C-alpha atoms as a PDB file:
ATOM      1  CA  MET A   1     136.329  -5.759  92.211  1.00  0.00           C
ATOM      2  CA  PRO A   2     133.017  -7.533  92.781  1.00  0.00           C
ATOM      3  CA  LYS A   3     129.720  -5.611  92.189  1.00  0.00           C
ATOM      4  CA  ALA A   4     127.762  -4.551  95.283  1.00  0.00           C
ATOM      5  CA  THR A   5     124.360  -6.088  95.639  1.00  0.00           C
ATOM      6  CA  SER A   6     121.473  -3.552  95.489  1.00  0.00           C
ATOM      7  CA  PRO A   7     119.469  -3.338  98.757  1.00  0.00           C
ATOM      8  CA  ALA A   8     116.206  -3.716  96.751  1.00  0.00           C
ATOM      9  CA  GLN A   9     117.451  -6.984  95.266  1.00  0.00           C
ATOM     10  CA  THR A  10     118.703  -8.469  98.541  1.00  0.00           C
ATOM     11  CA  PRO A  11     116.147 -10.311 100.658  1.00  0.00           C
ATOM     12  CA  SER A  12     116.191  -9.255 104.278  1.00  0.00           C
ATOM     13  CA  LEU A  13     116.622 -12.244 106.548  1.00  0.00           C
ATOM     14  CA  GLU A  14     117.144 -10.359 109.780  1.00  0.00           C
ATOM     15  CA  SER A  15     113.745 -11.458 111.080  1.00  0.00           C
ATOM     16  CA  GLY A  16     114.298 -14.969 109.889  1.00  0.00           C
ATOM     17  CA  VAL A  17     111.161 -14.775 107.686  1.00  0.00           C
ATOM     18  CA  ASP A  18     111.216 -14.756 103.931  1.00  0.00           C
ATOM     19  CA  PRO A  19     109.414 -11.582 102.740  1.00  0.00           C
ATOM     20  CA  ALA A  20     107.495 -13.609 100.149  1.00  0.00           C
ATOM     21  CA  VAL A  21     106.172 -15.885 102.851  1.00  0.00           C
ATOM     22  CA  SER A  22     105.352 -12.849 105.012  1.00  0.00           C
ATOM     23  CA  ALA A  23     103.407 -11.286 102.158  1.00  0.00           C
ATOM     24  CA  ASP A  24     101.451 -14.491 101.642  1.00  0.00           C
ATOM     25  CA  THR A  25     100.698 -14.634 105.354  1.00  0.00           C
ATOM     26  CA  GLY A  26      99.457 -11.015 105.311  1.00  0.00           C
ATOM     27  CA  VAL A  27      97.101 -11.757 102.436  1.00  0.00           C
ATOM     28  CA  ALA A  28      95.817 -14.836 104.231  1.00  0.00           C
ATOM     29  CA  ALA A  29      95.312 -12.869 107.448  1.00  0.00           C
ATOM     30  CA  HIS A  30      93.387 -10.165 105.591  1.00  0.00           C
ATOM     31  CA  SER A  31      91.250 -12.804 103.875  1.00  0.00           C
ATOM     32  CA  SER A  32      90.610 -14.497 107.223  1.00  0.00           C
ATOM     33  CA  ALA A  33      89.584 -11.167 108.782  1.00  0.00           C
ATOM     34  CA  GLN A  34      87.151 -10.563 105.945  1.00  0.00           C
ATOM     35  CA  THR A  35      85.705 -14.054 106.396  1.00  0.00           C
ATOM     36  CA  ASN A  36      85.331 -13.553 110.152  1.00  0.00           C
ATOM     37  CA  THR A  37      83.622 -10.203 109.605  1.00  0.00           C
ATOM     38  CA  THR A  38      81.224 -11.755 107.107  1.00  0.00           C
ATOM     39  CA  ASP A  39      80.449 -14.608 109.502  1.00  0.00           C
ATOM     40  CA  ALA A  40      79.842 -12.138 112.334  1.00  0.00           C
ATOM     41  CA  GLU A  41      77.504 -10.117 110.176  1.00  0.00           C
ATOM     42  CA  ALA A  42      75.639 -13.258 109.160  1.00  0.00           C
ATOM     43  CA  GLY A  43      75.230 -14.303 112.783  1.00  0.00           C
ATOM     44  CA  ALA A  44      74.130 -10.871 114.026  1.00  0.00           C
ATOM     45  CA  PRO A  45      70.411 -10.365 114.634  1.00  0.00           C
ATOM     46  CA  GLU A  46      68.598  -8.667 111.771  1.00  0.00           C
ATOM     47  CA  GLN A  47      68.033  -4.990 112.457  1.00  0.00           C
ATOM     48  CA  PRO A  48      64.395  -3.889 112.208  1.00  0.00           C
ATOM     49  CA  LYS A  49      63.588  -1.910 109.105  1.00  0.00           C
ATOM     50  CA  ARG A  50      62.788   1.722 109.666  1.00  0.00           C
ATOM     51  CA  THR A  51      59.186   2.572 109.051  1.00  0.00           C
ATOM     52  CA  ARG A  52      58.367   5.521 106.905  1.00  0.00           C
ATOM     53  CA  ARG A  53      57.644   8.680 108.827  1.00  0.00           C
ATOM     54  CA  GLY A  54      53.970   9.493 109.019  1.00  0.00           C
ATOM     55  CA  ARG A  55      52.535   5.979 108.838  1.00  0.00           C
ATOM     56  CA  PRO A  56      49.349   5.647 110.932  1.00  0.00           C
ATOM     57  CA  GLY A  57      49.605   4.487 114.536  1.00  0.00           C
ATOM     58  CA  TYR A  58      45.860   3.806 114.853  1.00  0.00           C
ATOM     59  CA  ASP A  59      43.306   2.051 112.716  1.00  0.00           C
ATOM     60  CA  ARG A  60      40.477   4.241 111.440  1.00  0.00           C
ATOM     61  CA  GLU A  61      37.890   3.356 114.105  1.00  0.00           C
ATOM     62  CA  THR A  62      40.317   3.782 117.005  1.00  0.00           C
ATOM     63  CA  LEU A  63      41.498   7.109 115.607  1.00  0.00           C
ATOM     64  CA  ILE A  64      37.907   8.389 115.405  1.00  0.00           C
ATOM     65  CA  GLU A  65      37.143   7.201 118.926  1.00  0.00           C
ATOM     66  CA  ARG A  66      40.243   8.800 120.440  1.00  0.00           C
ATOM     67  CA  ALA A  67      39.807  12.044 118.489  1.00  0.00           C
ATOM     68  CA  THR A  68      36.202  12.248 119.715  1.00  0.00           C
ATOM     69  CA  GLU A  69      37.465  12.110 123.295  1.00  0.00           C
ATOM     70  CA  VAL A  70      39.852  14.986 122.567  1.00  0.00           C
ATOM     71  CA  PHE A  71      37.086  17.084 120.985  1.00  0.00           C
ATOM     72  CA  VAL A  72      34.850  16.510 124.012  1.00  0.00           C
ATOM     73  CA  SER A  73      37.533  17.308 126.585  1.00  0.00           C
ATOM     74  CA  ARG A  74      38.940  20.395 124.822  1.00  0.00           C
ATOM     75  CA  GLY A  75      36.019  21.597 122.726  1.00  0.00           C
ATOM     76  CA  TYR A  76      35.874  21.123 118.972  1.00  0.00           C
ATOM     77  CA  ASP A  77      36.384  24.770 117.999  1.00  0.00           C
ATOM     78  CA  GLY A  78      39.406  25.126 120.277  1.00  0.00           C
ATOM     79  CA  THR A  79      41.086  21.917 119.135  1.00  0.00           C
ATOM     80  CA  SER A  80      43.488  21.952 116.191  1.00  0.00           C
ATOM     81  CA  MET A  81      44.734  18.920 114.305  1.00  0.00           C
ATOM     82  CA  ASP A  82      48.122  19.592 115.902  1.00  0.00           C
ATOM     83  CA  THR A  83      46.467  19.186 119.301  1.00  0.00           C
ATOM     84  CA  VAL A  84      44.735  15.965 118.261  1.00  0.00           C
ATOM     85  CA  ALA A  85      48.027  14.558 116.968  1.00  0.00           C
ATOM     86  CA  ARG A  86      49.864  15.534 120.142  1.00  0.00           C
ATOM     87  CA  GLU A  87      47.178  14.053 122.412  1.00  0.00           C
ATOM     88  CA  LEU A  88      47.195  10.795 120.453  1.00  0.00           C
ATOM     89  CA  GLY A  89      50.992  10.658 120.261  1.00  0.00           C
ATOM     90  CA  ILE A  90      51.091  10.468 116.465  1.00  0.00           C
ATOM     91  CA  THR A  91      51.945  12.764 113.569  1.00  0.00           C
ATOM     92  CA  LYS A  92      49.410  14.835 111.667  1.00  0.00           C
ATOM     93  CA  SER A  93      50.251  12.855 108.547  1.00  0.00           C
ATOM     94  CA  ALA A  94      49.108   9.722 110.393  1.00  0.00           C
ATOM     95  CA  ILE A  95      45.722  11.375 110.948  1.00  0.00           C
ATOM     96  CA  TYR A  96      45.517  12.523 107.331  1.00  0.00           C
ATOM     97  CA  HIS A  97      46.151   8.931 106.308  1.00  0.00           C
ATOM     98  CA  HIS A  98      42.534   8.288 107.410  1.00  0.00           C
ATOM     99  CA  VAL A  99      40.726  11.641 107.020  1.00  0.00           C
ATOM    100  CA  LYS A 100      41.070  14.663 104.776  1.00  0.00           C
ATOM    101  CA  SER A 101      40.278  17.387 107.290  1.00  0.00           C
ATOM    102  CA  LYS A 102      39.228  18.286 110.812  1.00  0.00           C
ATOM    103  CA  GLU A 103      35.652  18.730 109.548  1.00  0.00           C
ATOM    104  CA  GLU A 104      35.589  15.195 108.173  1.00  0.00           C
ATOM    105  CA  LEU A 105      36.890  13.916 111.504  1.00  0.00           C
ATOM    106  CA  LEU A 106      34.045  15.758 113.276  1.00  0.00           C
ATOM    107  CA  HIS A 107      31.520  14.268 110.845  1.00  0.00           C
ATOM    108  CA  LEU A 108      32.782  10.744 111.513  1.00  0.00           C
ATOM    109  CA  ALA A 109      32.950  11.338 115.265  1.00  0.00           C
ATOM    110  CA  ILE A 110      29.336  12.517 115.468  1.00  0.00           C
ATOM    111  CA  ASN A 111      27.986   9.902 113.076  1.00  0.00           C
ATOM    112  CA  ARG A 112      29.179   7.008 115.222  1.00  0.00           C
ATOM    113  CA  GLY A 113      26.656   7.916 117.894  1.00  0.00           C
ATOM    114  CA  ILE A 114      23.852   9.483 115.906  1.00  0.00           C
ATOM    115  CA  GLY A 115      23.774   6.605 113.441  1.00  0.00           C
ATOM    116  CA  ALA A 116      23.371   4.068 116.241  1.00  0.00           C
ATOM    117  CA  LEU A 117      20.817   6.277 118.004  1.00  0.00           C
ATOM    118  CA  ASP A 118      18.696   6.765 114.891  1.00  0.00           C
ATOM    119  CA  SER A 119      18.740   3.044 114.085  1.00  0.00           C
ATOM    120  CA  ALA A 120      17.680   2.112 117.624  1.00  0.00           C
ATOM    121  CA  VAL A 121      14.799   4.611 117.755  1.00  0.00           C
ATOM    122  CA  GLU A 122      13.612   3.596 114.292  1.00  0.00           C
ATOM    123  CA  ALA A 123      13.674  -0.106 115.157  1.00  0.00           C
ATOM    124  CA  GLU A 124      11.762   0.341 118.421  1.00  0.00           C
ATOM    125  CA  SER A 125       9.178   2.688 116.925  1.00  0.00           C
ATOM    126  CA  GLN A 126       8.349   0.155 114.210  1.00  0.00           C
ATOM    127  CA  ARG A 127       7.960  -2.878 116.457  1.00  0.00           C
ATOM    128  CA  THR A 128       4.743  -4.799 115.964  1.00  0.00           C
ATOM    129  CA  GLY A 129       2.455  -6.171 118.654  1.00  0.00           C
ATOM    130  CA  LEU A 130       3.053  -3.214 120.999  1.00  0.00           C
ATOM    131  CA  ASN A 131       0.978  -0.130 121.651  1.00  0.00           C
ATOM    132  CA  ALA A 132       2.415   3.369 121.228  1.00  0.00           C
ATOM    133  CA  LEU A 133       3.349   3.770 124.892  1.00  0.00           C
ATOM    134  CA  GLU A 134       5.234   0.459 124.930  1.00  0.00           C
ATOM    135  CA  ARG A 135       7.120   1.375 121.765  1.00  0.00           C
ATOM    136  CA  LEU A 136       7.911   4.801 123.211  1.00  0.00           C
ATOM    137  CA  ARG A 137       9.259   3.313 126.418  1.00  0.00           C
ATOM    138  CA  ALA A 138      11.366   0.855 124.403  1.00  0.00           C
ATOM    139  CA  ALA A 139      12.742   3.689 122.254  1.00  0.00           C
ATOM    140  CA  VAL A 140      13.707   5.763 125.304  1.00  0.00           C
ATOM    141  CA  HIS A 141      15.314   2.731 126.968  1.00  0.00           C
ATOM    142  CA  ALA A 142      17.333   1.981 123.811  1.00  0.00           C
ATOM    143  CA  SER A 143      18.388   5.636 123.568  1.00  0.00           C
ATOM    144  CA  VAL A 144      19.895   5.518 127.059  1.00  0.00           C
ATOM    145  CA  VAL A 145      21.859   2.358 126.259  1.00  0.00           C
ATOM    146  CA  ILE A 146      23.177   3.884 123.010  1.00  0.00           C
ATOM    147  CA  LEU A 147      24.076   7.136 124.751  1.00  0.00           C
ATOM    148  CA  ILE A 148      26.190   5.237 127.267  1.00  0.00           C
ATOM    149  CA  GLU A 149      27.822   3.018 124.642  1.00  0.00           C
ATOM    150  CA  TYR A 150      28.667   6.011 122.425  1.00  0.00           C
ATOM    151  CA  HIS A 151      29.074   8.432 125.298  1.00  0.00           C
ATOM    152  CA  HIS A 152      31.679  10.767 123.758  1.00  0.00           C
ATOM    153  CA  SER A 153      30.082  10.775 120.324  1.00  0.00           C
ATOM    154  CA  VAL A 154      26.615  11.678 121.643  1.00  0.00           C
ATOM    155  CA  THR A 155      28.120  14.269 123.994  1.00  0.00           C
ATOM    156  CA  LEU A 156      29.820  15.898 121.003  1.00  0.00           C
ATOM    157  CA  LEU A 157      26.538  15.756 119.077  1.00  0.00           C
ATOM    158  CA  LEU A 158      24.706  17.607 121.840  1.00  0.00           C
ATOM    159  CA  ARG A 159      27.325  20.387 121.830  1.00  0.00           C
ATOM    160  CA  VAL A 160      27.224  21.344 118.150  1.00  0.00           C
ATOM    161  CA  ARG A 161      25.653  24.724 117.399  1.00  0.00           C
ATOM    162  CA  GLY A 162      25.430  24.803 113.613  1.00  0.00           C
ATOM    163  CA  ASN A 163      28.694  26.658 112.996  1.00  0.00           C
ATOM    164  CA  SER A 164      29.570  24.609 109.907  1.00  0.00           C
ATOM    165  CA  ALA A 165      27.963  22.425 107.257  1.00  0.00           C
ATOM    166  CA  VAL A 166      28.855  19.351 109.307  1.00  0.00           C
ATOM    167  CA  GLU A 167      27.214  20.773 112.425  1.00  0.00           C
ATOM    168  CA  ILE A 168      24.100  21.859 110.511  1.00  0.00           C
ATOM    169  CA  GLU A 169      23.748  18.328 109.153  1.00  0.00           C
ATOM    170  CA  ALA A 170      24.121  16.913 112.680  1.00  0.00           C
ATOM    171  CA  LEU A 171      21.404  19.239 114.001  1.00  0.00           C
ATOM    172  CA  ASP A 172      19.121  18.118 111.186  1.00  0.00           C
ATOM    173  CA  GLN A 173      19.701  14.476 112.125  1.00  0.00           C
ATOM    174  CA  ARG A 174      18.889  15.298 115.746  1.00  0.00           C
ATOM    175  CA  ARG A 175      15.609  16.904 114.698  1.00  0.00           C
ATOM    176  CA  LYS A 176      14.646  13.808 112.734  1.00  0.00           C
ATOM    177  CA  ILE A 177      15.159  11.637 115.818  1.00  0.00           C
ATOM    178  CA  ASP A 178      13.161  14.113 117.905  1.00  0.00           C
ATOM    179  CA  ASP A 179      10.356  13.913 115.342  1.00  0.00           C
ATOM    180  CA  LYS A 180      10.216  10.121 115.586  1.00  0.00           C
ATOM    181  CA  ILE A 181       9.849  10.323 119.357  1.00  0.00           C
ATOM    182  CA  ARG A 182       7.283  13.117 119.067  1.00  0.00           C
ATOM    183  CA  VAL A 183       5.145  10.951 116.761  1.00  0.00           C
ATOM    184  CA  LEU A 184       5.215   8.130 119.323  1.00  0.00           C
ATOM    185  CA  VAL A 185       4.289  10.555 122.108  1.00  0.00           C
ATOM    186  CA  ALA A 186       1.323  11.868 120.096  1.00  0.00           C
ATOM    187  CA  GLU A 187       0.132   8.330 119.374  1.00  0.00           C
ATOM    188  CA  ALA A 188       0.449   7.377 123.045  1.00  0.00           C
ATOM    189  CA  ILE A 189      -1.618  10.428 124.044  1.00  0.00           C
ATOM    190  CA  ASP A 190      -4.285   9.533 121.487  1.00  0.00           C
ATOM    191  CA  GLU A 191      -4.402   5.968 122.791  1.00  0.00           C
ATOM    192  CA  GLY A 192      -4.794   7.212 126.356  1.00  0.00           C
ATOM    193  CA  GLY A 193      -1.407   5.935 127.500  1.00  0.00           C
ATOM    194  CA  LEU A 194      -0.003   9.394 128.306  1.00  0.00           C
ATOM    195  CA  ARG A 195      -1.627  12.347 129.995  1.00  0.00           C
ATOM    196  CA  SER A 196      -3.219  14.812 127.619  1.00  0.00           C
ATOM    197  CA  ASP A 197      -2.608  18.092 129.466  1.00  0.00           C
ATOM    198  CA  PHE A 198       0.907  18.351 128.017  1.00  0.00           C
ATOM    199  CA  THR A 199       1.668  18.797 124.315  1.00  0.00           C
ATOM    200  CA  PRO A 200       3.654  16.116 122.436  1.00  0.00           C
ATOM    201  CA  GLY A 201       6.443  18.652 121.875  1.00  0.00           C
ATOM    202  CA  LEU A 202       6.787  19.444 125.569  1.00  0.00           C
ATOM    203  CA  MET A 203       6.755  15.779 126.571  1.00  0.00           C
ATOM    204  CA  THR A 204       9.406  15.006 123.970  1.00  0.00           C
ATOM    205  CA  ARG A 205      11.652  17.748 125.340  1.00  0.00           C
ATOM    206  CA  LEU A 206      11.163  16.516 128.902  1.00  0.00           C
ATOM    207  CA  LEU A 207      12.026  12.950 127.907  1.00  0.00           C
ATOM    208  CA  PHE A 208      15.150  13.933 125.980  1.00  0.00           C
ATOM    209  CA  GLY A 209      16.131  16.373 128.708  1.00  0.00           C
ATOM    210  CA  MET A 210      16.345  13.521 131.185  1.00  0.00           C
ATOM    211  CA  VAL A 211      18.080  11.176 128.744  1.00  0.00           C
ATOM    212  CA  ASN A 212      20.620  13.737 127.520  1.00  0.00           C
ATOM    213  CA  SER A 213      21.534  14.801 131.059  1.00  0.00           C
ATOM    214  CA  ILE A 214      23.352  11.481 131.398  1.00  0.00           C
ATOM    215  CA  THR A 215      26.202  12.916 129.313  1.00  0.00           C
ATOM    216  CA  GLU A 216      26.937  15.381 132.122  1.00  0.00           C
ATOM    217  CA  TRP A 217      27.601  12.837 134.847  1.00  0.00           C
ATOM    218  CA  TYR A 218      28.154   9.405 133.313  1.00  0.00           C
ATOM    219  CA  ARG A 219      31.685   8.031 133.158  1.00  0.00           C
ATOM    220  CA  PRO A 220      32.818   4.539 132.097  1.00  0.00           C
ATOM    221  CA  SER A 221      33.926   3.918 135.687  1.00  0.00           C
ATOM    222  CA  TYR A 222      30.388   4.490 136.996  1.00  0.00           C
ATOM    223  CA  PRO A 223      29.524   1.381 139.086  1.00  0.00           C
ATOM    224  CA  VAL A 224      26.108   0.718 137.505  1.00  0.00           C
ATOM    225  CA  ASP A 225      25.632  -1.165 134.233  1.00  0.00           C
ATOM    226  CA  PRO A 226      23.956   0.554 131.243  1.00  0.00           C
ATOM    227  CA  GLU A 227      20.816  -1.606 131.319  1.00  0.00           C
ATOM    228  CA  THR A 228      20.130  -0.733 134.958  1.00  0.00           C
ATOM    229  CA  ILE A 229      20.615   2.967 134.238  1.00  0.00           C
ATOM    230  CA  ALA A 230      18.253   2.706 131.265  1.00  0.00           C
ATOM    231  CA  ASP A 231      15.631   0.967 133.424  1.00  0.00           C
ATOM    232  CA  ALA A 232      15.879   3.696 136.069  1.00  0.00           C
ATOM    233  CA  VAL A 233      15.672   6.587 133.601  1.00  0.00           C
ATOM    234  CA  THR A 234      12.729   5.053 131.736  1.00  0.00           C
ATOM    235  CA  SER A 235      10.824   4.329 134.939  1.00  0.00           C
ATOM    236  CA  MET A 236      11.342   7.803 136.387  1.00  0.00           C
ATOM    237  CA  ALA A 237      10.644   9.584 133.100  1.00  0.00           C
ATOM    238  CA  PHE A 238       7.267   7.927 132.585  1.00  0.00           C
ATOM    239  CA  ASN A 239       6.065   7.944 136.178  1.00  0.00           C
ATOM    240  CA  GLY A 240       4.937  11.537 135.835  1.00  0.00           C
ATOM    241  CA  LEU A 241       3.798  11.306 132.226  1.00  0.00           C
ATOM    242  CA  GLU A 242       1.599   8.237 132.067  1.00  0.00           C
ATOM    243  CA  ALA A 243      -2.159   8.755 132.274  1.00  0.00           C
END
């Protein structure tokens, strides 16, 4: 009696395909699929790398400028770093990438304007070939131009009340600028350029009162250029003060 062939040893030919050939075909198909996938990945556009959370969205100068606007619109004392970050559309860590604290941000915000203002007044007060009245007029004119250029920074400067070390320092810087103008006023009175029935201190306050009032109404959209505004303020301020 002949031995029966084991099913595991008997190739199945019902499909008409040798299993060995089928296995080879399956391996080839899998290899081809892998190749196609690799080619597709190679041809796909490179995905942008994710940036680390908290990286700054502004450079230092732009951050200071924008934060100054927030302090002016909301008030420094009532503005938290969370509020600044929200208004600027960035994270607090992005702010701390540039500054260590809210106080440092205030210091930088104020210094942008007061530094430019002090430099302008100093330069005009030391000009040669001009009398005291001419130097005073030039200093007031330059102050108006600086105030407009650094509108938010000077506005913030005028609002500080000495509630912190930063604010006390800012007030001291303001006094130094006032003193430079007061010296020019006194010299102009002595030279006969300004009327002598007012004290130098009073005249200085009147001059700065007119100049500083610009912060209350000036906006970048105002349809008059800074030089024209400075000419008008200087002319009106000295019309009633000149001898």
